[in-house]
Amino acid sequence: MKTVRRDFLKSACVSGACICGFPAILKASNQEQDQNESDTHFMQEWISTLLLNLDQNCDESGAREIMKKCATAHYKRLSMDEFLKPYEGNLESFIQFIEKEWGWKINYQKENKVILADENKNYCVCPLVNKKNGVKSSILCYCSEGFAEKMFSKVIGQTVKAEVVSSIHLGDKTCIYKILI
């Protein structure tokens, strides 16, 4: 008899007919999701305001220096040093990976020690960008330069220099970085 009751309770809860508190749990979960969305929106608005003010009140070299240093936070958040370990010292393997898995287009000019890395997306991939309101600040791209420098430096095993040569925020079709080895 216990098995039948247990099966009934399981099916009642799964179907939503249960009155044991599951709706309250669902409501709390929805409130938490709303709060997370509100927090995300707040952070994106705050960052948008910061970027616009940096853009208006800093010269290019100052803004670039600040934003490149900000890349460290994202790099650490993604545990990129650990992620890149299998590719250390094997640039060709890393290039194959990012072309296949990330959809990037890479032009590696080995003789010139230059990599052109095209993200091959028609949108900004930065997780900080408010996709609804659209941040239109090209200084955000300096953060991407810093991220690319850290990533390719780790793989290659020496310090590289990255420069944005094409950007969604500058009105281009895609974001492209020049990596100087």
N, C-alpha and C. Protein backbone atom coordinates (compact mmCIF):
# COMPACT_ATOMS: atom_id res chain seq x y z
N MET A 1 0.81 -1.19 0.00
CA MET A 1 0.00 0.00 0.00
C MET A 1 0.86 1.26 0.00
N LYS A 2 2.01 1.21 0.72
CA LYS A 2 2.89 2.37 0.77
C LYS A 2 3.41 2.73 -0.61
N THR A 3 3.71 1.74 -1.41
CA THR A 3 4.24 2.00 -2.74
C THR A 3 3.23 2.75 -3.59
N VAL A 4 1.98 2.39 -3.52
CA VAL A 4 0.94 3.06 -4.30
C VAL A 4 0.83 4.51 -3.86
N ARG A 5 0.84 4.77 -2.56
CA ARG A 5 0.73 6.14 -2.05
C ARG A 5 1.95 6.96 -2.49
N ARG A 6 3.15 6.38 -2.37
CA ARG A 6 4.37 7.08 -2.77
C ARG A 6 4.30 7.42 -4.26
N ASP A 7 3.85 6.47 -5.09
CA ASP A 7 3.72 6.73 -6.52
C ASP A 7 2.70 7.83 -6.80
N PHE A 8 1.59 7.81 -6.04
CA PHE A 8 0.58 8.84 -6.21
C PHE A 8 1.16 10.22 -5.89
N LEU A 9 1.88 10.33 -4.76
CA LEU A 9 2.47 11.61 -4.36
C LEU A 9 3.49 12.09 -5.38
N LYS A 10 4.31 11.16 -5.88
CA LYS A 10 5.28 11.54 -6.90
C LYS A 10 4.59 12.10 -8.13
N SER A 11 3.59 11.38 -8.62
CA SER A 11 2.91 11.84 -9.84
C SER A 11 2.13 13.12 -9.60
N ALA A 12 1.59 13.31 -8.40
CA ALA A 12 0.85 14.53 -8.09
C ALA A 12 1.80 15.73 -8.08
N CYS A 13 2.97 15.55 -7.49
CA CYS A 13 3.94 16.65 -7.44
C CYS A 13 4.47 16.98 -8.84
N VAL A 14 4.75 15.96 -9.61
CA VAL A 14 5.27 16.18 -10.95
C VAL A 14 4.22 16.87 -11.82
N SER A 15 2.95 16.51 -11.66
CA SER A 15 1.90 17.09 -12.48
C SER A 15 1.47 18.47 -12.01
N GLY A 16 1.88 18.85 -10.81
CA GLY A 16 1.51 20.17 -10.29
C GLY A 16 0.25 20.14 -9.45
N ALA A 17 -0.31 18.96 -9.20
CA ALA A 17 -1.55 18.85 -8.43
C ALA A 17 -1.28 18.82 -6.93
N CYS A 18 -0.06 18.77 -6.56
CA CYS A 18 0.33 18.69 -5.15
C CYS A 18 0.08 20.02 -4.45
N ILE A 19 -0.36 19.98 -3.20
CA ILE A 19 -0.56 21.21 -2.43
C ILE A 19 0.42 21.29 -1.26
N CYS A 20 1.51 20.52 -1.34
CA CYS A 20 2.43 20.39 -0.21
C CYS A 20 3.45 21.52 -0.11
N GLY A 21 3.39 22.49 -0.96
CA GLY A 21 4.36 23.57 -0.86
C GLY A 21 5.20 23.74 -2.11
N PHE A 22 5.04 22.84 -3.05
CA PHE A 22 5.80 22.96 -4.30
C PHE A 22 5.53 24.29 -5.00
N PRO A 23 4.27 24.76 -5.05
CA PRO A 23 4.05 26.07 -5.67
C PRO A 23 4.83 27.18 -4.97
N ALA A 24 4.96 27.12 -3.66
CA ALA A 24 5.72 28.14 -2.93
C ALA A 24 7.20 28.07 -3.32
N ILE A 25 7.71 26.87 -3.47
CA ILE A 25 9.10 26.70 -3.90
C ILE A 25 9.29 27.27 -5.30
N LEU A 26 8.34 26.98 -6.18
CA LEU A 26 8.41 27.50 -7.55
C LEU A 26 8.35 29.02 -7.55
N LYS A 27 7.46 29.60 -6.72
CA LYS A 27 7.35 31.06 -6.64
C LYS A 27 8.65 31.67 -6.14
N ALA A 28 9.25 31.05 -5.11
CA ALA A 28 10.53 31.55 -4.58
C ALA A 28 11.61 31.46 -5.64
N SER A 29 11.59 30.39 -6.41
CA SER A 29 12.57 30.23 -7.48
C SER A 29 12.41 31.32 -8.54
N ASN A 30 11.17 31.63 -8.89
CA ASN A 30 10.90 32.69 -9.87
C ASN A 30 11.33 34.05 -9.34
N GLN A 31 11.09 34.30 -8.03
CA GLN A 31 11.52 35.57 -7.42
C GLN A 31 13.04 35.69 -7.44
N GLU A 32 13.72 34.57 -7.18
CA GLU A 32 15.18 34.57 -7.21
C GLU A 32 15.68 34.85 -8.62
N GLN A 33 15.04 34.26 -9.63
CA GLN A 33 15.42 34.50 -11.01
C GLN A 33 15.19 35.97 -11.38
N ASP A 34 14.06 36.54 -10.95
CA ASP A 34 13.79 37.97 -11.19
C ASP A 34 14.87 38.83 -10.54
N GLN A 35 15.27 38.48 -9.31
CA GLN A 35 16.30 39.24 -8.61
C GLN A 35 17.63 39.13 -9.35
N ASN A 36 17.97 37.93 -9.84
CA ASN A 36 19.21 37.75 -10.60
C ASN A 36 19.20 38.60 -11.86
N GLU A 37 18.08 38.63 -12.56
CA GLU A 37 17.96 39.45 -13.77
C GLU A 37 18.08 40.93 -13.43
N SER A 38 17.48 41.33 -12.32
CA SER A 38 17.58 42.72 -11.87
C SER A 38 19.02 43.07 -11.53
N ASP A 39 19.71 42.17 -10.83
CA ASP A 39 21.11 42.39 -10.48
C ASP A 39 21.97 42.50 -11.74
N THR A 40 21.74 41.62 -12.70
CA THR A 40 22.49 41.65 -13.96
C THR A 40 22.24 42.96 -14.68
N HIS A 41 20.99 43.38 -14.75
CA HIS A 41 20.65 44.64 -15.41
C HIS A 41 21.36 45.81 -14.72
N PHE A 42 21.34 45.82 -13.38
CA PHE A 42 22.01 46.87 -12.63
C PHE A 42 23.51 46.91 -12.96
N MET A 43 24.16 45.74 -12.94
CA MET A 43 25.59 45.68 -13.21
C MET A 43 25.90 46.15 -14.63
N GLN A 44 25.07 45.76 -15.58
CA GLN A 44 25.28 46.19 -16.96
C GLN A 44 25.09 47.69 -17.10
N GLU A 45 24.11 48.24 -16.44
CA GLU A 45 23.90 49.69 -16.48
C GLU A 45 25.06 50.43 -15.85
N TRP A 46 25.55 49.91 -14.72
CA TRP A 46 26.67 50.53 -14.03
C TRP A 46 27.91 50.52 -14.92
N ILE A 47 28.17 49.37 -15.52
CA ILE A 47 29.33 49.24 -16.40
C ILE A 47 29.17 50.13 -17.63
N SER A 48 27.97 50.20 -18.18
CA SER A 48 27.73 51.06 -19.33
C SER A 48 28.04 52.51 -19.00
N THR A 49 27.60 52.95 -17.82
CA THR A 49 27.88 54.33 -17.40
C THR A 49 29.37 54.55 -17.22
N LEU A 50 30.04 53.60 -16.62
CA LEU A 50 31.49 53.70 -16.44
C LEU A 50 32.20 53.80 -17.79
N LEU A 51 31.83 52.93 -18.71
CA LEU A 51 32.48 52.92 -20.03
C LEU A 51 32.27 54.24 -20.76
N LEU A 52 31.05 54.73 -20.73
CA LEU A 52 30.78 55.99 -21.41
C LEU A 52 31.57 57.14 -20.80
N ASN A 53 31.70 57.14 -19.48
CA ASN A 53 32.47 58.18 -18.81
C ASN A 53 33.97 58.04 -19.09
N LEU A 54 34.48 56.83 -19.11
CA LEU A 54 35.89 56.64 -19.48
C LEU A 54 36.12 57.13 -20.90
N ASP A 55 35.20 56.80 -21.78
CA ASP A 55 35.30 57.19 -23.18
C ASP A 55 35.32 58.72 -23.32
N GLN A 56 34.51 59.41 -22.53
CA GLN A 56 34.39 60.86 -22.62
C GLN A 56 35.47 61.61 -21.85
N ASN A 57 36.03 61.00 -20.81
CA ASN A 57 36.91 61.73 -19.92
C ASN A 57 38.37 61.26 -19.88
N CYS A 58 38.70 60.22 -20.61
CA CYS A 58 40.08 59.72 -20.64
C CYS A 58 40.62 59.78 -22.05
N ASP A 59 41.93 60.00 -22.16
CA ASP A 59 42.52 59.89 -23.49
C ASP A 59 42.63 58.41 -23.85
N GLU A 60 42.91 58.13 -25.11
CA GLU A 60 42.90 56.75 -25.59
C GLU A 60 43.88 55.86 -24.84
N SER A 61 45.09 56.34 -24.58
CA SER A 61 46.08 55.49 -23.92
C SER A 61 45.67 55.19 -22.47
N GLY A 62 45.08 56.17 -21.78
CA GLY A 62 44.62 55.93 -20.41
C GLY A 62 43.48 54.93 -20.36
N ALA A 63 42.52 55.10 -21.26
CA ALA A 63 41.38 54.17 -21.32
C ALA A 63 41.85 52.77 -21.68
N ARG A 64 42.78 52.68 -22.62
CA ARG A 64 43.30 51.37 -23.04
C ARG A 64 43.98 50.67 -21.86
N GLU A 65 44.80 51.39 -21.12
CA GLU A 65 45.51 50.80 -19.99
C GLU A 65 44.54 50.30 -18.93
N ILE A 66 43.54 51.10 -18.61
CA ILE A 66 42.54 50.70 -17.61
C ILE A 66 41.77 49.47 -18.07
N MET A 67 41.29 49.50 -19.29
CA MET A 67 40.45 48.40 -19.78
C MET A 67 41.25 47.11 -19.97
N LYS A 68 42.49 47.21 -20.43
CA LYS A 68 43.29 45.99 -20.60
C LYS A 68 43.49 45.29 -19.25
N LYS A 69 43.66 46.08 -18.20
CA LYS A 69 43.84 45.48 -16.87
C LYS A 69 42.55 44.82 -16.39
N CYS A 70 41.42 45.32 -16.83
CA CYS A 70 40.13 44.73 -16.46
C CYS A 70 39.97 43.32 -17.03
N ALA A 71 40.66 43.02 -18.11
CA ALA A 71 40.58 41.69 -18.73
C ALA A 71 41.00 40.59 -17.77
N THR A 72 41.87 40.92 -16.82
CA THR A 72 42.35 39.93 -15.86
C THR A 72 41.20 39.29 -15.08
N ALA A 73 40.21 40.09 -14.71
CA ALA A 73 39.08 39.56 -13.93
C ALA A 73 38.31 38.50 -14.73
N HIS A 74 38.04 38.76 -15.99
CA HIS A 74 37.31 37.80 -16.82
C HIS A 74 38.17 36.56 -17.08
N TYR A 75 39.44 36.78 -17.35
CA TYR A 75 40.39 35.70 -17.59
C TYR A 75 40.43 34.74 -16.39
N LYS A 76 40.52 35.31 -15.19
CA LYS A 76 40.54 34.49 -13.97
C LYS A 76 39.21 33.81 -13.74
N ARG A 77 38.11 34.53 -13.98
CA ARG A 77 36.77 33.96 -13.78
C ARG A 77 36.56 32.70 -14.61
N LEU A 78 37.14 32.70 -15.80
CA LEU A 78 37.01 31.55 -16.70
C LEU A 78 38.10 30.49 -16.47
N SER A 79 38.97 30.72 -15.48
CA SER A 79 40.08 29.79 -15.19
C SER A 79 40.87 29.47 -16.46
N MET A 80 41.20 30.53 -17.19
CA MET A 80 41.85 30.34 -18.50
C MET A 80 43.22 29.69 -18.41
N ASP A 81 44.00 29.97 -17.37
CA ASP A 81 45.31 29.32 -17.27
C ASP A 81 45.15 27.80 -17.25
N GLU A 82 44.18 27.34 -16.47
CA GLU A 82 43.92 25.90 -16.40
C GLU A 82 43.38 25.38 -17.74
N PHE A 83 42.45 26.12 -18.32
CA PHE A 83 41.84 25.73 -19.60
C PHE A 83 42.90 25.63 -20.71
N LEU A 84 43.87 26.53 -20.69
CA LEU A 84 44.86 26.59 -21.77
C LEU A 84 46.03 25.64 -21.60
N LYS A 85 46.15 24.98 -20.47
CA LYS A 85 47.29 24.09 -20.21
C LYS A 85 47.54 23.09 -21.35
N PRO A 86 46.52 22.43 -21.88
CA PRO A 86 46.79 21.46 -22.95
C PRO A 86 47.36 22.09 -24.23
N TYR A 87 47.24 23.40 -24.37
CA TYR A 87 47.68 24.07 -25.59
C TYR A 87 49.01 24.80 -25.42
N GLU A 88 49.55 24.83 -24.20
CA GLU A 88 50.80 25.54 -23.97
C GLU A 88 51.90 24.98 -24.87
N GLY A 89 52.53 25.88 -25.61
CA GLY A 89 53.60 25.48 -26.51
C GLY A 89 53.12 24.85 -27.80
N ASN A 90 51.81 24.83 -28.02
CA ASN A 90 51.25 24.21 -29.22
C ASN A 90 50.22 25.14 -29.86
N LEU A 91 50.70 26.21 -30.43
CA LEU A 91 49.83 27.23 -31.02
C LEU A 91 48.93 26.64 -32.11
N GLU A 92 49.48 25.78 -32.95
CA GLU A 92 48.69 25.21 -34.04
C GLU A 92 47.48 24.43 -33.51
N SER A 93 47.68 23.69 -32.44
CA SER A 93 46.58 22.94 -31.83
C SER A 93 45.52 23.89 -31.25
N PHE A 94 45.98 24.97 -30.62
CA PHE A 94 45.05 25.95 -30.08
C PHE A 94 44.26 26.62 -31.20
N ILE A 95 44.93 26.96 -32.27
CA ILE A 95 44.25 27.57 -33.42
C ILE A 95 43.17 26.63 -33.96
N GLN A 96 43.51 25.35 -34.09
CA GLN A 96 42.52 24.37 -34.56
C GLN A 96 41.32 24.33 -33.62
N PHE A 97 41.59 24.37 -32.32
CA PHE A 97 40.51 24.34 -31.33
C PHE A 97 39.59 25.54 -31.48
N ILE A 98 40.15 26.76 -31.49
CA ILE A 98 39.29 27.94 -31.51
C ILE A 98 38.56 28.09 -32.85
N GLU A 99 39.15 27.56 -33.90
CA GLU A 99 38.42 27.58 -35.18
C GLU A 99 37.25 26.61 -35.15
N LYS A 100 37.49 25.42 -34.63
CA LYS A 100 36.44 24.38 -34.61
C LYS A 100 35.38 24.66 -33.54
N GLU A 101 35.81 24.95 -32.32
CA GLU A 101 34.88 25.05 -31.20
C GLU A 101 34.29 26.44 -31.01
N TRP A 102 35.03 27.48 -31.29
CA TRP A 102 34.55 28.84 -31.09
C TRP A 102 34.11 29.49 -32.40
N GLY A 103 34.41 28.86 -33.53
CA GLY A 103 34.01 29.40 -34.83
C GLY A 103 34.86 30.57 -35.30
N TRP A 104 36.02 30.77 -34.68
CA TRP A 104 36.90 31.85 -35.10
C TRP A 104 37.54 31.53 -36.44
N LYS A 105 37.97 32.58 -37.14
CA LYS A 105 38.76 32.44 -38.36
C LYS A 105 40.15 32.98 -38.04
N ILE A 106 41.15 32.15 -38.23
CA ILE A 106 42.52 32.53 -37.87
C ILE A 106 43.40 32.55 -39.12
N ASN A 107 44.15 33.63 -39.25
CA ASN A 107 45.15 33.75 -40.29
C ASN A 107 46.49 33.90 -39.58
N TYR A 108 47.25 32.82 -39.54
CA TYR A 108 48.54 32.82 -38.85
C TYR A 108 49.65 33.00 -39.86
N GLN A 109 50.30 34.13 -39.81
CA GLN A 109 51.42 34.44 -40.70
C GLN A 109 52.71 34.16 -39.92
N LYS A 110 53.10 32.89 -39.95
CA LYS A 110 54.22 32.41 -39.15
C LYS A 110 55.51 33.19 -39.41
N GLU A 111 55.79 33.46 -40.70
CA GLU A 111 57.03 34.16 -41.06
C GLU A 111 57.06 35.59 -40.53
N ASN A 112 55.91 36.25 -40.42
CA ASN A 112 55.82 37.62 -39.91
C ASN A 112 55.54 37.67 -38.41
N LYS A 113 55.27 36.51 -37.82
CA LYS A 113 54.91 36.40 -36.41
C LYS A 113 53.68 37.25 -36.08
N VAL A 114 52.67 37.10 -36.94
CA VAL A 114 51.41 37.84 -36.79
C VAL A 114 50.24 36.86 -36.90
N ILE A 115 49.29 37.03 -36.00
CA ILE A 115 48.05 36.26 -36.05
C ILE A 115 46.92 37.26 -36.21
N LEU A 116 46.05 37.03 -37.18
CA LEU A 116 44.81 37.78 -37.28
C LEU A 116 43.71 36.84 -36.80
N ALA A 117 43.12 37.21 -35.69
CA ALA A 117 42.09 36.37 -35.06
C ALA A 117 40.74 37.04 -35.20
N ASP A 118 39.88 36.46 -36.02
CA ASP A 118 38.54 36.98 -36.29
C ASP A 118 37.54 36.16 -35.47
N GLU A 119 36.82 36.83 -34.56
CA GLU A 119 35.84 36.12 -33.75
C GLU A 119 34.69 35.56 -34.59
N ASN A 120 34.50 36.12 -35.78
CA ASN A 120 33.51 35.59 -36.72
C ASN A 120 32.08 35.58 -36.15
N LYS A 121 31.75 36.64 -35.43
CA LYS A 121 30.39 36.81 -34.88
C LYS A 121 29.91 38.21 -35.28
N ASN A 122 28.62 38.37 -35.49
CA ASN A 122 28.08 39.68 -35.85
C ASN A 122 27.55 40.44 -34.63
N TYR A 123 28.04 40.08 -33.45
CA TYR A 123 27.64 40.72 -32.20
C TYR A 123 28.85 40.71 -31.26
N CYS A 124 28.82 41.57 -30.27
CA CYS A 124 29.87 41.61 -29.25
C CYS A 124 29.66 40.43 -28.30
N VAL A 125 30.69 39.65 -28.07
CA VAL A 125 30.57 38.46 -27.23
C VAL A 125 30.80 38.75 -25.75
N CYS A 126 31.15 39.98 -25.42
CA CYS A 126 31.44 40.33 -24.03
C CYS A 126 30.22 40.08 -23.14
N PRO A 127 30.39 39.35 -22.04
CA PRO A 127 29.26 39.07 -21.16
C PRO A 127 28.79 40.29 -20.37
N LEU A 128 29.54 41.37 -20.39
CA LEU A 128 29.16 42.56 -19.65
C LEU A 128 28.27 43.50 -20.45
N VAL A 129 28.17 43.26 -21.73
CA VAL A 129 27.40 44.16 -22.59
C VAL A 129 25.92 43.92 -22.37
N ASN A 130 25.18 45.01 -22.21
CA ASN A 130 23.74 44.94 -22.09
C ASN A 130 23.18 44.78 -23.50
N LYS A 131 22.80 43.57 -23.84
CA LYS A 131 22.35 43.28 -25.21
C LYS A 131 21.07 44.05 -25.58
N LYS A 132 20.20 44.32 -24.59
CA LYS A 132 18.95 45.02 -24.88
C LYS A 132 19.19 46.49 -25.21
N ASN A 133 19.97 47.17 -24.38
CA ASN A 133 20.20 48.60 -24.58
C ASN A 133 21.38 48.88 -25.49
N GLY A 134 22.28 47.94 -25.61
CA GLY A 134 23.41 48.07 -26.50
C GLY A 134 24.41 49.13 -26.07
N VAL A 135 25.53 48.71 -25.52
CA VAL A 135 26.60 49.62 -25.17
C VAL A 135 27.35 49.93 -26.46
N LYS A 136 27.54 51.19 -26.73
CA LYS A 136 28.19 51.60 -27.97
C LYS A 136 29.56 52.21 -27.70
N SER A 137 30.29 51.70 -26.76
CA SER A 137 31.59 52.24 -26.41
C SER A 137 32.70 51.34 -26.94
N SER A 138 33.51 51.89 -27.81
CA SER A 138 34.59 51.10 -28.39
C SER A 138 35.72 50.85 -27.41
N ILE A 139 35.76 51.56 -26.27
CA ILE A 139 36.84 51.30 -25.32
C ILE A 139 36.69 49.93 -24.66
N LEU A 140 35.52 49.35 -24.72
CA LEU A 140 35.32 48.00 -24.23
C LEU A 140 36.25 47.03 -24.96
N CYS A 141 36.58 47.35 -26.19
CA CYS A 141 37.43 46.50 -27.01
C CYS A 141 38.85 46.40 -26.45
N TYR A 142 39.28 47.38 -25.67
CA TYR A 142 40.61 47.31 -25.06
C TYR A 142 40.68 46.18 -24.05
N CYS A 143 39.57 45.88 -23.42
CA CYS A 143 39.50 44.73 -22.52
C CYS A 143 39.74 43.45 -23.32
N SER A 144 39.14 43.38 -24.49
CA SER A 144 39.33 42.21 -25.36
C SER A 144 40.78 42.09 -25.81
N GLU A 145 41.42 43.23 -26.05
CA GLU A 145 42.85 43.20 -26.38
C GLU A 145 43.63 42.56 -25.24
N GLY A 146 43.33 42.98 -24.02
CA GLY A 146 44.02 42.42 -22.86
C GLY A 146 43.77 40.93 -22.70
N PHE A 147 42.53 40.51 -22.94
CA PHE A 147 42.19 39.09 -22.84
C PHE A 147 42.95 38.29 -23.89
N ALA A 148 42.97 38.79 -25.12
CA ALA A 148 43.69 38.10 -26.21
C ALA A 148 45.18 38.02 -25.90
N GLU A 149 45.74 39.10 -25.35
CA GLU A 149 47.15 39.09 -24.98
C GLU A 149 47.44 38.01 -23.95
N LYS A 150 46.63 37.95 -22.91
CA LYS A 150 46.84 36.95 -21.86
C LYS A 150 46.69 35.54 -22.43
N MET A 151 45.67 35.32 -23.23
CA MET A 151 45.39 34.00 -23.77
C MET A 151 46.50 33.51 -24.70
N PHE A 152 46.87 34.34 -25.68
CA PHE A 152 47.89 33.92 -26.63
C PHE A 152 49.28 33.88 -25.99
N SER A 153 49.55 34.75 -25.03
CA SER A 153 50.83 34.70 -24.32
C SER A 153 50.98 33.38 -23.57
N LYS A 154 49.90 32.93 -22.94
CA LYS A 154 49.92 31.67 -22.21
C LYS A 154 50.19 30.50 -23.16
N VAL A 155 49.52 30.49 -24.29
CA VAL A 155 49.68 29.40 -25.26
C VAL A 155 51.08 29.41 -25.87
N ILE A 156 51.53 30.58 -26.28
CA ILE A 156 52.82 30.69 -26.98
C ILE A 156 54.00 30.59 -26.01
N GLY A 157 53.81 31.04 -24.77
CA GLY A 157 54.87 30.97 -23.78
C GLY A 157 55.76 32.20 -23.77
N GLN A 158 55.28 33.27 -24.37
CA GLN A 158 55.99 34.55 -24.33
C GLN A 158 54.97 35.67 -24.47
N THR A 159 55.35 36.85 -24.04
CA THR A 159 54.45 37.99 -24.07
C THR A 159 54.16 38.40 -25.51
N VAL A 160 52.89 38.58 -25.81
CA VAL A 160 52.47 39.05 -27.13
C VAL A 160 51.74 40.38 -26.96
N LYS A 161 51.54 41.05 -28.05
CA LYS A 161 50.80 42.32 -28.07
C LYS A 161 49.57 42.11 -28.95
N ALA A 162 48.42 42.55 -28.46
CA ALA A 162 47.18 42.43 -29.24
C ALA A 162 46.62 43.81 -29.52
N GLU A 163 45.99 43.92 -30.66
CA GLU A 163 45.37 45.19 -31.06
C GLU A 163 44.09 44.88 -31.83
N VAL A 164 43.03 45.57 -31.48
CA VAL A 164 41.77 45.42 -32.21
C VAL A 164 41.91 46.14 -33.54
N VAL A 165 41.66 45.43 -34.63
CA VAL A 165 41.71 46.06 -35.95
C VAL A 165 40.33 46.20 -36.57
N SER A 166 39.35 45.50 -35.99
CA SER A 166 37.97 45.56 -36.45
C SER A 166 37.08 45.27 -35.25
N SER A 167 35.96 46.01 -35.15
CA SER A 167 35.13 45.86 -33.96
C SER A 167 33.66 46.15 -34.27
N ILE A 168 32.80 45.36 -33.68
CA ILE A 168 31.36 45.59 -33.76
C ILE A 168 31.05 46.99 -33.24
N HIS A 169 31.74 47.40 -32.17
CA HIS A 169 31.49 48.71 -31.55
C HIS A 169 31.97 49.88 -32.42
N LEU A 170 32.78 49.56 -33.41
CA LEU A 170 33.23 50.60 -34.34
C LEU A 170 32.44 50.56 -35.65
N GLY A 171 31.43 49.70 -35.68
CA GLY A 171 30.58 49.60 -36.86
C GLY A 171 31.02 48.54 -37.85
N ASP A 172 32.02 47.75 -37.49
CA ASP A 172 32.49 46.68 -38.38
C ASP A 172 31.58 45.46 -38.26
N LYS A 173 31.73 44.53 -39.19
CA LYS A 173 30.88 43.34 -39.22
C LYS A 173 31.26 42.31 -38.17
N THR A 174 32.50 42.34 -37.74
CA THR A 174 33.00 41.35 -36.78
C THR A 174 34.19 41.94 -36.03
N CYS A 175 34.61 41.28 -34.97
CA CYS A 175 35.76 41.73 -34.20
C CYS A 175 36.99 40.93 -34.61
N ILE A 176 38.04 41.65 -34.96
CA ILE A 176 39.30 41.02 -35.38
C ILE A 176 40.43 41.63 -34.57
N TYR A 177 41.32 40.75 -34.12
CA TYR A 177 42.48 41.16 -33.33
C TYR A 177 43.75 40.81 -34.10
N LYS A 178 44.71 41.71 -34.04
CA LYS A 178 46.04 41.42 -34.58
C LYS A 178 46.91 41.08 -33.38
N ILE A 179 47.47 39.88 -33.40
CA ILE A 179 48.34 39.42 -32.34
C ILE A 179 49.78 39.44 -32.88
N LEU A 180 50.64 40.23 -32.22
CA LEU A 180 52.04 40.33 -32.62
C LEU A 180 52.87 39.49 -31.66
N ILE A 181 53.55 38.49 -32.20
CA ILE A 181 54.36 37.58 -31.39
C ILE A 181 55.76 38.16 -31.25
